[in-house]
């Protein structure tokens, strides 16, 4: 039926109504989350210029009353797993590939197909679903330079369509939507038409805080942080949301030097770094909730949590069977 068994909200009276699940795959930092946000028309998935930004499978829903409903499934970037978190992320990708109606494979505009992309192409050759190759960031190259890039990837696999676009600028995104509908099966909607994502507000807030941390922290630290929202509720009688959240880092010390602890780097001199993360996150959270926000952040250490099955579950990285 799709990603999971869902109770349909009812068959559309439009006999041409289509519905289906569409996943986006690709190497880290190729622009999957940016594209998904662009197609939906609002920010759901976090983005950054650091690999492994997306850790979980995130579903967003686009509904056109006349044409149909598309359930987009954003997945982690494909990479070589180095810990249990990495293994979990790659399992999410593999499970999703066999559970959708259409696959969007995002690549960057490079003349030579990388070894990593060739491995992805090999994986895609083993599935039955149609694959649309998307050459993202086409605004970074000239039209003349784009032709040999398309030709290079054309020989890497069998594709239903090849579409160059810019997720950041929205170039050719309307063409992509038309093409997606072309390959979806006819059928009723899976979600009510006002549904935008399967993520709870708390989950989105936690991801916003992690996103802002990714932007400001050093390269060694972001992979080792997780965020939990401990409290979140509107203050009685006021247009104000009280939120308490914790940023967890993996190691107390940074390269063995205690005075440069991960915790200390996240907090910053006189709390400056943590204050910056909070200020940036508060702006996004207020747009999300439509309320003023009183955000309090703490930093704690959970040593080697990325290799702890129990900690991974605590931070929300669960197998499908664990969620039932």
C-alpha atoms as a PDB file:
ATOM      1  CA  UNK A   1       0.000   0.000   0.000  1.00  0.00           C
ATOM      2  CA  UNK A   2       2.909   2.346   0.644  1.00  0.00           C
ATOM      3  CA  UNK A   3       5.296   3.394   3.363  1.00  0.00           C
ATOM      4  CA  UNK A   4       2.975   2.007   6.019  1.00  0.00           C
ATOM      5  CA  UNK A   5      -0.627   0.941   6.402  1.00  0.00           C
ATOM      6  CA  UNK A   6      -2.724   4.095   6.614  1.00  0.00           C
ATOM      7  CA  UNK A   7      -6.428   4.679   6.974  1.00  0.00           C
ATOM      8  CA  UNK A   8      -7.422   6.618   3.877  1.00  0.00           C
ATOM      9  CA  UNK A   9      -9.501   9.716   4.616  1.00  0.00           C
ATOM     10  CA  UNK A  10     -11.725   8.841   1.685  1.00  0.00           C
ATOM     11  CA  UNK A  11     -11.721   8.373  -2.063  1.00  0.00           C
ATOM     12  CA  UNK A  12     -11.651  11.545  -4.111  1.00  0.00           C
ATOM     13  CA  UNK A  13     -14.651  11.996  -6.389  1.00  0.00           C
ATOM     14  CA  UNK A  14     -12.181  12.891  -9.145  1.00  0.00           C
ATOM     15  CA  UNK A  15     -11.523   9.704 -11.151  1.00  0.00           C
ATOM     16  CA  UNK A  16      -8.203  11.169 -12.340  1.00  0.00           C
ATOM     17  CA  UNK A  17      -6.973  11.671  -8.750  1.00  0.00           C
ATOM     18  CA  UNK A  18      -3.555  10.123  -8.136  1.00  0.00           C
ATOM     19  CA  UNK A  19      -1.680   9.346  -4.924  1.00  0.00           C
ATOM     20  CA  UNK A  20       1.596   7.748  -4.010  1.00  0.00           C
ATOM     21  CA  UNK A  21       4.864   7.789  -2.115  1.00  0.00           C
ATOM     22  CA  UNK A  22       7.969   9.409  -3.582  1.00  0.00           C
ATOM     23  CA  UNK A  23      11.403   9.107  -1.983  1.00  0.00           C
ATOM     24  CA  UNK A  24      14.488  11.244  -2.479  1.00  0.00           C
ATOM     25  CA  UNK A  25      17.901   9.630  -2.279  1.00  0.00           C
ATOM     26  CA  UNK A  26      21.452  10.733  -2.921  1.00  0.00           C
ATOM     27  CA  UNK A  27      24.789  11.381  -1.301  1.00  0.00           C
ATOM     28  CA  UNK A  28      24.990  13.712   1.713  1.00  0.00           C
ATOM     29  CA  UNK A  29      24.563  17.435   1.083  1.00  0.00           C
ATOM     30  CA  UNK A  30      23.153  17.042  -2.435  1.00  0.00           C
ATOM     31  CA  UNK A  31      20.039  19.067  -1.609  1.00  0.00           C
ATOM     32  CA  UNK A  32      17.293  16.539  -0.835  1.00  0.00           C
ATOM     33  CA  UNK A  33      15.807  18.420   2.114  1.00  0.00           C
ATOM     34  CA  UNK A  34      16.045  21.743   0.278  1.00  0.00           C
ATOM     35  CA  UNK A  35      14.147  20.271  -2.669  1.00  0.00           C
ATOM     36  CA  UNK A  36      11.478  18.739  -0.464  1.00  0.00           C
ATOM     37  CA  UNK A  37      10.914  22.049   1.317  1.00  0.00           C
ATOM     38  CA  UNK A  38      10.738  23.828  -2.050  1.00  0.00           C
ATOM     39  CA  UNK A  39       8.149  21.424  -3.462  1.00  0.00           C
ATOM     40  CA  UNK A  40       5.986  21.516  -0.347  1.00  0.00           C
ATOM     41  CA  UNK A  41       6.187  25.296  -0.185  1.00  0.00           C
ATOM     42  CA  UNK A  42       7.303  25.539   3.415  1.00  0.00           C
ATOM     43  CA  UNK A  43      10.164  24.434   5.621  1.00  0.00           C
ATOM     44  CA  UNK A  44       9.741  20.989   7.169  1.00  0.00           C
ATOM     45  CA  UNK A  45      13.154  19.337   6.936  1.00  0.00           C
ATOM     46  CA  UNK A  46      16.255  21.050   8.264  1.00  0.00           C
ATOM     47  CA  UNK A  47      19.120  21.905   5.941  1.00  0.00           C
ATOM     48  CA  UNK A  48      22.806  22.689   6.341  1.00  0.00           C
ATOM     49  CA  UNK A  49      26.065  22.388   4.418  1.00  0.00           C
ATOM     50  CA  UNK A  50      27.229  19.523   6.639  1.00  0.00           C
ATOM     51  CA  UNK A  51      26.813  15.824   5.737  1.00  0.00           C
ATOM     52  CA  UNK A  52      24.328  13.616   7.614  1.00  0.00           C
ATOM     53  CA  UNK A  53      22.019  16.518   8.429  1.00  0.00           C
ATOM     54  CA  UNK A  54      18.957  14.316   7.810  1.00  0.00           C
ATOM     55  CA  UNK A  55      18.981  11.309  10.146  1.00  0.00           C
ATOM     56  CA  UNK A  56      15.417  10.037  10.105  1.00  0.00           C
ATOM     57  CA  UNK A  57      12.858   9.367   7.427  1.00  0.00           C
ATOM     58  CA  UNK A  58      10.721  12.498   7.160  1.00  0.00           C
ATOM     59  CA  UNK A  59       7.397  12.470   5.347  1.00  0.00           C
ATOM     60  CA  UNK A  60       5.734  15.576   3.956  1.00  0.00           C
ATOM     61  CA  UNK A  61       2.426  15.712   2.118  1.00  0.00           C
ATOM     62  CA  UNK A  62       1.519  17.793  -0.924  1.00  0.00           C
ATOM     63  CA  UNK A  63      -2.144  17.736  -1.955  1.00  0.00           C
ATOM     64  CA  UNK A  64      -3.623  19.151  -5.125  1.00  0.00           C
ATOM     65  CA  UNK A  65      -7.421  18.705  -5.009  1.00  0.00           C
ATOM     66  CA  UNK A  66      -7.579  18.130  -8.747  1.00  0.00           C
ATOM     67  CA  UNK A  67      -4.442  16.162  -9.528  1.00  0.00           C
ATOM     68  CA  UNK A  68      -3.716  14.147  -6.403  1.00  0.00           C
ATOM     69  CA  UNK A  69      -1.610  13.702  -3.296  1.00  0.00           C
ATOM     70  CA  UNK A  70       2.160  13.185  -3.149  1.00  0.00           C
ATOM     71  CA  UNK A  71       3.761  11.875   0.028  1.00  0.00           C
ATOM     72  CA  UNK A  72       7.436  12.856  -0.133  1.00  0.00           C
ATOM     73  CA  UNK A  73       9.869  10.772   1.902  1.00  0.00           C
ATOM     74  CA  UNK A  74      13.178  12.476   2.657  1.00  0.00           C
ATOM     75  CA  UNK A  75      15.912  10.042   3.701  1.00  0.00           C
ATOM     76  CA  UNK A  76      19.454  10.346   5.090  1.00  0.00           C
ATOM     77  CA  UNK A  77      22.276  10.871   2.618  1.00  0.00           C
ATOM     78  CA  UNK A  78      23.862   7.632   1.434  1.00  0.00           C
ATOM     79  CA  UNK A  79      27.257   7.174   3.078  1.00  0.00           C
ATOM     80  CA  UNK A  80      29.490   4.498   4.587  1.00  0.00           C
ATOM     81  CA  UNK A  81      28.288   3.786   8.110  1.00  0.00           C
ATOM     82  CA  UNK A  82      30.885   4.286  10.853  1.00  0.00           C
ATOM     83  CA  UNK A  83      28.682   3.659  13.899  1.00  0.00           C
ATOM     84  CA  UNK A  84      25.245   2.375  14.876  1.00  0.00           C
ATOM     85  CA  UNK A  85      23.626   5.681  14.008  1.00  0.00           C
ATOM     86  CA  UNK A  86      25.112   5.421  10.505  1.00  0.00           C
ATOM     87  CA  UNK A  87      23.891   1.828  10.207  1.00  0.00           C
ATOM     88  CA  UNK A  88      20.411   2.911  11.266  1.00  0.00           C
ATOM     89  CA  UNK A  89      20.403   5.713   8.683  1.00  0.00           C
ATOM     90  CA  UNK A  90      21.416   3.399   5.837  1.00  0.00           C
ATOM     91  CA  UNK A  91      18.808   0.839   6.859  1.00  0.00           C
ATOM     92  CA  UNK A  92      16.179   3.583   6.654  1.00  0.00           C
ATOM     93  CA  UNK A  93      17.255   4.315   3.066  1.00  0.00           C
ATOM     94  CA  UNK A  94      17.160   0.656   1.953  1.00  0.00           C
ATOM     95  CA  UNK A  95      13.774   0.002   3.553  1.00  0.00           C
ATOM     96  CA  UNK A  96      12.312   3.110   1.952  1.00  0.00           C
ATOM     97  CA  UNK A  97      13.465   2.211  -1.571  1.00  0.00           C
ATOM     98  CA  UNK A  98      11.304  -0.898  -1.639  1.00  0.00           C
ATOM     99  CA  UNK A  99       8.318   0.841  -0.107  1.00  0.00           C
ATOM    100  CA  UNK A 100       7.533   3.690  -2.523  1.00  0.00           C
ATOM    101  CA  UNK A 101       6.025   4.276  -5.959  1.00  0.00           C
ATOM    102  CA  UNK A 102       8.722   6.531  -7.395  1.00  0.00           C
ATOM    103  CA  UNK A 103      12.366   7.338  -6.656  1.00  0.00           C
ATOM    104  CA  UNK A 104      14.040  10.711  -7.160  1.00  0.00           C
ATOM    105  CA  UNK A 105      17.828  10.377  -7.292  1.00  0.00           C
ATOM    106  CA  UNK A 106      19.583  13.685  -6.727  1.00  0.00           C
ATOM    107  CA  UNK A 107      23.115  14.304  -7.990  1.00  0.00           C
ATOM    108  CA  UNK A 108      25.333  17.347  -8.368  1.00  0.00           C
ATOM    109  CA  UNK A 109      26.312  18.745 -11.805  1.00  0.00           C
ATOM    110  CA  UNK A 110      29.689  17.074 -12.294  1.00  0.00           C
ATOM    111  CA  UNK A 111      31.105  15.738 -15.562  1.00  0.00           C
ATOM    112  CA  UNK A 112      32.337  12.510 -14.027  1.00  0.00           C
ATOM    113  CA  UNK A 113      30.056  10.091 -12.209  1.00  0.00           C
ATOM    114  CA  UNK A 114      31.701   9.365  -8.851  1.00  0.00           C
ATOM    115  CA  UNK A 115      32.310   5.885  -7.460  1.00  0.00           C
ATOM    116  CA  UNK A 116      29.730   6.578  -4.753  1.00  0.00           C
ATOM    117  CA  UNK A 117      27.121   7.491  -7.356  1.00  0.00           C
ATOM    118  CA  UNK A 118      27.931   4.392  -9.382  1.00  0.00           C
ATOM    119  CA  UNK A 119      27.205   2.308  -6.273  1.00  0.00           C
ATOM    120  CA  UNK A 120      23.882   4.095  -5.866  1.00  0.00           C
ATOM    121  CA  UNK A 121      23.096   3.436  -9.537  1.00  0.00           C
ATOM    122  CA  UNK A 122      23.833  -0.249  -8.998  1.00  0.00           C
ATOM    123  CA  UNK A 123      21.444  -0.336  -6.036  1.00  0.00           C
ATOM    124  CA  UNK A 124      18.729   1.376  -8.074  1.00  0.00           C
ATOM    125  CA  UNK A 125      19.130  -1.137 -10.894  1.00  0.00           C
ATOM    126  CA  UNK A 126      17.793  -3.796  -8.511  1.00  0.00           C
ATOM    127  CA  UNK A 127      14.452  -2.117  -7.775  1.00  0.00           C
ATOM    128  CA  UNK A 128      11.258  -2.165  -9.828  1.00  0.00           C
ATOM    129  CA  UNK A 129      10.128   1.421  -9.204  1.00  0.00           C
ATOM    130  CA  UNK A 130      10.752   4.083 -11.873  1.00  0.00           C
ATOM    131  CA  UNK A 131      13.677   6.403 -11.131  1.00  0.00           C
ATOM    132  CA  UNK A 132      13.844  10.074 -12.053  1.00  0.00           C
ATOM    133  CA  UNK A 133      17.396  11.405 -12.132  1.00  0.00           C
ATOM    134  CA  UNK A 134      17.555  14.969 -10.848  1.00  0.00           C
ATOM    135  CA  UNK A 135      20.646  17.028 -11.548  1.00  0.00           C
ATOM    136  CA  UNK A 136      20.396  19.591  -8.775  1.00  0.00           C
ATOM    137  CA  UNK A 137      22.241  22.908  -8.458  1.00  0.00           C
ATOM    138  CA  UNK A 138      22.007  23.475 -12.221  1.00  0.00           C
ATOM    139  CA  UNK A 139      22.236  27.214 -11.516  1.00  0.00           C
ATOM    140  CA  UNK A 140      25.923  26.629 -10.767  1.00  0.00           C
ATOM    141  CA  UNK A 141      26.781  25.605 -14.354  1.00  0.00           C
ATOM    142  CA  UNK A 142      26.072  26.995 -17.823  1.00  0.00           C
ATOM    143  CA  UNK A 143      23.541  25.415 -20.180  1.00  0.00           C
ATOM    144  CA  UNK A 144      26.371  24.261 -22.477  1.00  0.00           C
ATOM    145  CA  UNK A 145      28.160  22.603 -19.557  1.00  0.00           C
ATOM    146  CA  UNK A 146      24.980  20.813 -18.505  1.00  0.00           C
ATOM    147  CA  UNK A 147      24.654  18.703 -21.664  1.00  0.00           C
ATOM    148  CA  UNK A 148      27.788  16.542 -21.139  1.00  0.00           C
ATOM    149  CA  UNK A 149      26.811  16.102 -17.480  1.00  0.00           C
ATOM    150  CA  UNK A 150      23.421  14.725 -18.506  1.00  0.00           C
ATOM    151  CA  UNK A 151      25.126  12.459 -21.032  1.00  0.00           C
ATOM    152  CA  UNK A 152      27.579  11.146 -18.425  1.00  0.00           C
ATOM    153  CA  UNK A 153      24.783  10.167 -16.036  1.00  0.00           C
ATOM    154  CA  UNK A 154      22.619   8.774 -18.838  1.00  0.00           C
ATOM    155  CA  UNK A 155      25.062   5.880 -19.126  1.00  0.00           C
ATOM    156  CA  UNK A 156      25.059   5.214 -15.356  1.00  0.00           C
ATOM    157  CA  UNK A 157      21.611   3.620 -15.250  1.00  0.00           C
ATOM    158  CA  UNK A 158      18.084   3.344 -16.568  1.00  0.00           C
ATOM    159  CA  UNK A 159      16.024   6.455 -15.833  1.00  0.00           C
ATOM    160  CA  UNK A 160      12.394   7.219 -16.559  1.00  0.00           C
ATOM    161  CA  UNK A 161      13.298  10.908 -16.858  1.00  0.00           C
ATOM    162  CA  UNK A 162      16.310  13.198 -16.380  1.00  0.00           C
ATOM    163  CA  UNK A 163      15.506  16.659 -15.003  1.00  0.00           C
ATOM    164  CA  UNK A 164      18.041  19.420 -14.278  1.00  0.00           C
ATOM    165  CA  UNK A 165      16.846  21.913 -11.663  1.00  0.00           C
ATOM    166  CA  UNK A 166      17.817  24.224  -8.826  1.00  0.00           C
ATOM    167  CA  UNK A 167      16.127  23.317  -5.548  1.00  0.00           C
ATOM    168  CA  UNK A 168      17.448  26.499  -3.933  1.00  0.00           C
ATOM    169  CA  UNK A 169      16.024  28.812  -6.617  1.00  0.00           C
ATOM    170  CA  UNK A 170      13.021  26.680  -7.585  1.00  0.00           C
ATOM    171  CA  UNK A 171      14.105  26.419 -11.230  1.00  0.00           C
ATOM    172  CA  UNK A 172      12.236  23.633 -13.095  1.00  0.00           C
ATOM    173  CA  UNK A 173      10.482  22.495  -9.892  1.00  0.00           C
ATOM    174  CA  UNK A 174       7.069  22.903 -11.554  1.00  0.00           C
ATOM    175  CA  UNK A 175       8.234  20.589 -14.350  1.00  0.00           C
ATOM    176  CA  UNK A 176       9.322  18.067 -11.742  1.00  0.00           C
ATOM    177  CA  UNK A 177       5.890  18.125 -10.080  1.00  0.00           C
ATOM    178  CA  UNK A 178       4.191  17.515 -13.436  1.00  0.00           C
ATOM    179  CA  UNK A 179       6.528  14.584 -14.061  1.00  0.00           C
ATOM    180  CA  UNK A 180       5.924  13.076 -10.618  1.00  0.00           C
ATOM    181  CA  UNK A 181       2.172  13.064 -11.167  1.00  0.00           C
ATOM    182  CA  UNK A 182       2.759  11.378 -14.514  1.00  0.00           C
ATOM    183  CA  UNK A 183       4.226   8.308 -12.771  1.00  0.00           C
ATOM    184  CA  UNK A 184       1.921   8.029  -9.737  1.00  0.00           C
ATOM    185  CA  UNK A 185      -0.888   5.451  -9.661  1.00  0.00           C
ATOM    186  CA  UNK A 186      -4.555   6.425  -9.546  1.00  0.00           C
ATOM    187  CA  UNK A 187      -6.095   6.165  -6.100  1.00  0.00           C
ATOM    188  CA  UNK A 188      -7.431   7.957  -3.009  1.00  0.00           C
ATOM    189  CA  UNK A 189      -5.479  10.253  -0.714  1.00  0.00           C
ATOM    190  CA  UNK A 190      -3.577   8.696   2.176  1.00  0.00           C
ATOM    191  CA  UNK A 191      -3.831  11.783   4.393  1.00  0.00           C
ATOM    192  CA  UNK A 192      -6.346  14.556   4.984  1.00  0.00           C
ATOM    193  CA  UNK A 193      -5.750  17.450   2.623  1.00  0.00           C
ATOM    194  CA  UNK A 194      -4.591  19.773   5.436  1.00  0.00           C
ATOM    195  CA  UNK A 195      -1.827  17.375   6.543  1.00  0.00           C
ATOM    196  CA  UNK A 196       1.670  18.668   5.756  1.00  0.00           C
ATOM    197  CA  UNK A 197       3.990  16.313   7.661  1.00  0.00           C
ATOM    198  CA  UNK A 198       4.039  13.278   9.934  1.00  0.00           C
ATOM    199  CA  UNK A 199       6.458  15.089  12.243  1.00  0.00           C
ATOM    200  CA  UNK A 200       5.092  16.359  15.547  1.00  0.00           C
ATOM    201  CA  UNK A 201       5.650  19.977  16.517  1.00  0.00           C
ATOM    202  CA  UNK A 202       8.100  18.842  19.208  1.00  0.00           C
ATOM    203  CA  UNK A 203      10.097  16.847  16.670  1.00  0.00           C
ATOM    204  CA  UNK A 204      10.274  19.830  14.322  1.00  0.00           C
ATOM    205  CA  UNK A 205      11.393  22.128  17.160  1.00  0.00           C
ATOM    206  CA  UNK A 206      14.152  19.677  18.155  1.00  0.00           C
ATOM    207  CA  UNK A 207      15.349  19.544  14.548  1.00  0.00           C
ATOM    208  CA  UNK A 208      15.326  23.347  14.261  1.00  0.00           C
ATOM    209  CA  UNK A 209      17.608  23.587  17.305  1.00  0.00           C
ATOM    210  CA  UNK A 210      19.907  20.933  15.817  1.00  0.00           C
ATOM    211  CA  UNK A 211      19.965  22.796  12.498  1.00  0.00           C
ATOM    212  CA  UNK A 212      21.047  26.038  14.147  1.00  0.00           C
ATOM    213  CA  UNK A 213      23.727  24.118  16.030  1.00  0.00           C
ATOM    214  CA  UNK A 214      25.009  22.657  12.752  1.00  0.00           C
ATOM    215  CA  UNK A 215      25.422  26.132  11.299  1.00  0.00           C
ATOM    216  CA  UNK A 216      27.563  27.546  14.085  1.00  0.00           C
ATOM    217  CA  UNK A 217      29.551  24.634  15.522  1.00  0.00           C
ATOM    218  CA  UNK A 218      32.870  23.207  14.403  1.00  0.00           C
ATOM    219  CA  UNK A 219      32.992  20.313  11.932  1.00  0.00           C
ATOM    220  CA  UNK A 220      33.993  17.736  14.555  1.00  0.00           C
ATOM    221  CA  UNK A 221      31.002  18.339  16.801  1.00  0.00           C
ATOM    222  CA  UNK A 222      27.700  18.385  14.809  1.00  0.00           C
ATOM    223  CA  UNK A 223      27.727  14.656  13.999  1.00  0.00           C
ATOM    224  CA  UNK A 224      27.920  13.974  17.726  1.00  0.00           C
ATOM    225  CA  UNK A 225      24.973  16.076  18.884  1.00  0.00           C
ATOM    226  CA  UNK A 226      21.328  15.232  19.448  1.00  0.00           C
ATOM    227  CA  UNK A 227      18.487  17.404  20.722  1.00  0.00           C
ATOM    228  CA  UNK A 228      15.497  16.598  22.880  1.00  0.00           C
ATOM    229  CA  UNK A 229      12.588  18.898  23.713  1.00  0.00           C
ATOM    230  CA  UNK A 230      11.911  18.270  27.392  1.00  0.00           C
ATOM    231  CA  UNK A 231       8.998  20.681  27.884  1.00  0.00           C
ATOM    232  CA  UNK A 232       6.823  22.573  25.433  1.00  0.00           C
ATOM    233  CA  UNK A 233       3.554  24.255  26.344  1.00  0.00           C
ATOM    234  CA  UNK A 234       1.802  27.610  25.907  1.00  0.00           C
ATOM    235  CA  UNK A 235       1.929  29.864  28.953  1.00  0.00           C
ATOM    236  CA  UNK A 236      -1.521  30.287  30.449  1.00  0.00           C
ATOM    237  CA  UNK A 237      -3.154  33.576  29.568  1.00  0.00           C
ATOM    238  CA  UNK A 238      -0.327  34.726  27.280  1.00  0.00           C
ATOM    239  CA  UNK A 239       0.560  34.439  23.593  1.00  0.00           C
ATOM    240  CA  UNK A 240       3.802  32.731  24.595  1.00  0.00           C
ATOM    241  CA  UNK A 241       5.277  29.240  24.195  1.00  0.00           C
ATOM    242  CA  UNK A 242       7.590  27.976  26.950  1.00  0.00           C
ATOM    243  CA  UNK A 243      10.160  25.500  25.643  1.00  0.00           C
ATOM    244  CA  UNK A 244      12.972  23.702  27.446  1.00  0.00           C
ATOM    245  CA  UNK A 245      15.394  21.644  25.360  1.00  0.00           C
ATOM    246  CA  UNK A 246      18.690  19.828  25.841  1.00  0.00           C
ATOM    247  CA  UNK A 247      21.572  19.582  23.389  1.00  0.00           C
ATOM    248  CA  UNK A 248      23.481  16.350  23.953  1.00  0.00           C
ATOM    249  CA  UNK A 249      27.107  16.049  22.886  1.00  0.00           C
ATOM    250  CA  UNK A 250      29.049  12.825  22.631  1.00  0.00           C
ATOM    251  CA  UNK A 251      32.342  13.504  24.392  1.00  0.00           C
ATOM    252  CA  UNK A 252      33.347  15.584  27.359  1.00  0.00           C
ATOM    253  CA  UNK A 253      36.783  16.337  25.918  1.00  0.00           C
ATOM    254  CA  UNK A 254      37.780  17.575  22.484  1.00  0.00           C
ATOM    255  CA  UNK A 255      40.789  15.660  21.125  1.00  0.00           C
ATOM    256  CA  UNK A 256      41.760  14.814  24.679  1.00  0.00           C
ATOM    257  CA  UNK A 257      42.033  18.422  25.803  1.00  0.00           C
ATOM    258  CA  UNK A 258      39.605  18.973  28.675  1.00  0.00           C
ATOM    259  CA  UNK A 259      39.628  22.748  28.426  1.00  0.00           C
ATOM    260  CA  UNK A 260      38.297  22.394  24.867  1.00  0.00           C
ATOM    261  CA  UNK A 261      35.430  20.096  25.788  1.00  0.00           C
ATOM    262  CA  UNK A 262      32.584  19.607  23.342  1.00  0.00           C
ATOM    263  CA  UNK A 263      30.218  20.828  26.020  1.00  0.00           C
ATOM    264  CA  UNK A 264      32.325  23.939  26.517  1.00  0.00           C
ATOM    265  CA  UNK A 265      32.475  24.662  22.784  1.00  0.00           C
ATOM    266  CA  UNK A 266      28.685  24.390  22.457  1.00  0.00           C
ATOM    267  CA  UNK A 267      28.174  26.718  25.414  1.00  0.00           C
ATOM    268  CA  UNK A 268      30.909  29.112  24.268  1.00  0.00           C
ATOM    269  CA  UNK A 269      32.702  31.856  26.158  1.00  0.00           C
ATOM    270  CA  UNK A 270      30.293  33.283  28.716  1.00  0.00           C
ATOM    271  CA  UNK A 271      27.514  31.311  27.041  1.00  0.00           C
ATOM    272  CA  UNK A 272      27.831  33.203  23.744  1.00  0.00           C
ATOM    273  CA  UNK A 273      27.584  30.170  21.429  1.00  0.00           C
ATOM    274  CA  UNK A 274      24.550  28.705  23.183  1.00  0.00           C
ATOM    275  CA  UNK A 275      22.896  32.118  23.159  1.00  0.00           C
ATOM    276  CA  UNK A 276      23.469  32.389  19.398  1.00  0.00           C
ATOM    277  CA  UNK A 277      21.954  28.937  18.808  1.00  0.00           C
ATOM    278  CA  UNK A 278      18.964  29.882  20.956  1.00  0.00           C
ATOM    279  CA  UNK A 279      18.435  33.215  19.200  1.00  0.00           C
ATOM    280  CA  UNK A 280      18.561  31.656  15.724  1.00  0.00           C
ATOM    281  CA  UNK A 281      16.300  28.769  16.748  1.00  0.00           C
ATOM    282  CA  UNK A 282      13.786  31.036  18.480  1.00  0.00           C
ATOM    283  CA  UNK A 283      13.185  32.949  15.253  1.00  0.00           C
ATOM    284  CA  UNK A 284      12.296  29.752  13.326  1.00  0.00           C
ATOM    285  CA  UNK A 285      10.225  28.317  16.181  1.00  0.00           C
ATOM    286  CA  UNK A 286       8.134  31.479  16.450  1.00  0.00           C
ATOM    287  CA  UNK A 287       7.379  31.243  12.715  1.00  0.00           C
ATOM    288  CA  UNK A 288       6.379  27.604  13.212  1.00  0.00           C
ATOM    289  CA  UNK A 289       4.139  28.103  16.245  1.00  0.00           C
ATOM    290  CA  UNK A 290       2.845  31.590  15.486  1.00  0.00           C
ATOM    291  CA  UNK A 291       3.637  32.555  19.078  1.00  0.00           C
ATOM    292  CA  UNK A 292       6.396  34.303  20.971  1.00  0.00           C
ATOM    293  CA  UNK A 293       8.832  31.792  22.418  1.00  0.00           C
ATOM    294  CA  UNK A 294      10.702  31.592  25.713  1.00  0.00           C
ATOM    295  CA  UNK A 295      13.408  29.058  24.833  1.00  0.00           C
ATOM    296  CA  UNK A 296      15.747  27.650  27.464  1.00  0.00           C
ATOM    297  CA  UNK A 297      18.657  25.442  26.356  1.00  0.00           C
ATOM    298  CA  UNK A 298      20.922  23.120  28.345  1.00  0.00           C
ATOM    299  CA  UNK A 299      23.945  21.073  27.260  1.00  0.00           C
ATOM    300  CA  UNK A 300      24.674  17.566  28.539  1.00  0.00           C
ATOM    301  CA  UNK A 301      27.121  14.776  27.683  1.00  0.00           C
ATOM    302  CA  UNK A 302      26.048  11.270  26.599  1.00  0.00           C
ATOM    303  CA  UNK A 303      29.295   9.490  25.853  1.00  0.00           C
ATOM    304  CA  UNK A 304      29.374   7.506  22.586  1.00  0.00           C
ATOM    305  CA  UNK A 305      25.592   7.717  22.180  1.00  0.00           C
ATOM    306  CA  UNK A 306      25.844   7.073  18.443  1.00  0.00           C
ATOM    307  CA  UNK A 307      27.004   3.519  19.207  1.00  0.00           C
ATOM    308  CA  UNK A 308      24.404   2.859  21.921  1.00  0.00           C
ATOM    309  CA  UNK A 309      21.199   1.178  20.781  1.00  0.00           C
ATOM    310  CA  UNK A 310      19.365   2.347  23.902  1.00  0.00           C
ATOM    311  CA  UNK A 311      20.474   5.970  23.451  1.00  0.00           C
ATOM    312  CA  UNK A 312      19.579   5.931  19.755  1.00  0.00           C
ATOM    313  CA  UNK A 313      16.037   4.896  20.683  1.00  0.00           C
ATOM    314  CA  UNK A 314      15.890   7.572  23.380  1.00  0.00           C
ATOM    315  CA  UNK A 315      16.766  10.196  20.778  1.00  0.00           C
ATOM    316  CA  UNK A 316      14.054   8.966  18.406  1.00  0.00           C
ATOM    317  CA  UNK A 317      16.086   6.818  16.014  1.00  0.00           C
ATOM    318  CA  UNK A 318      13.911   3.700  16.051  1.00  0.00           C
ATOM    319  CA  UNK A 319      13.319   0.852  13.652  1.00  0.00           C
ATOM    320  CA  UNK A 320       9.829   0.673  12.130  1.00  0.00           C
ATOM    321  CA  UNK A 321       8.931  -2.290  14.358  1.00  0.00           C
ATOM    322  CA  UNK A 322       9.870  -0.311  17.454  1.00  0.00           C
ATOM    323  CA  UNK A 323       7.422   2.444  16.509  1.00  0.00           C
ATOM    324  CA  UNK A 324       4.387   0.184  16.397  1.00  0.00           C
END
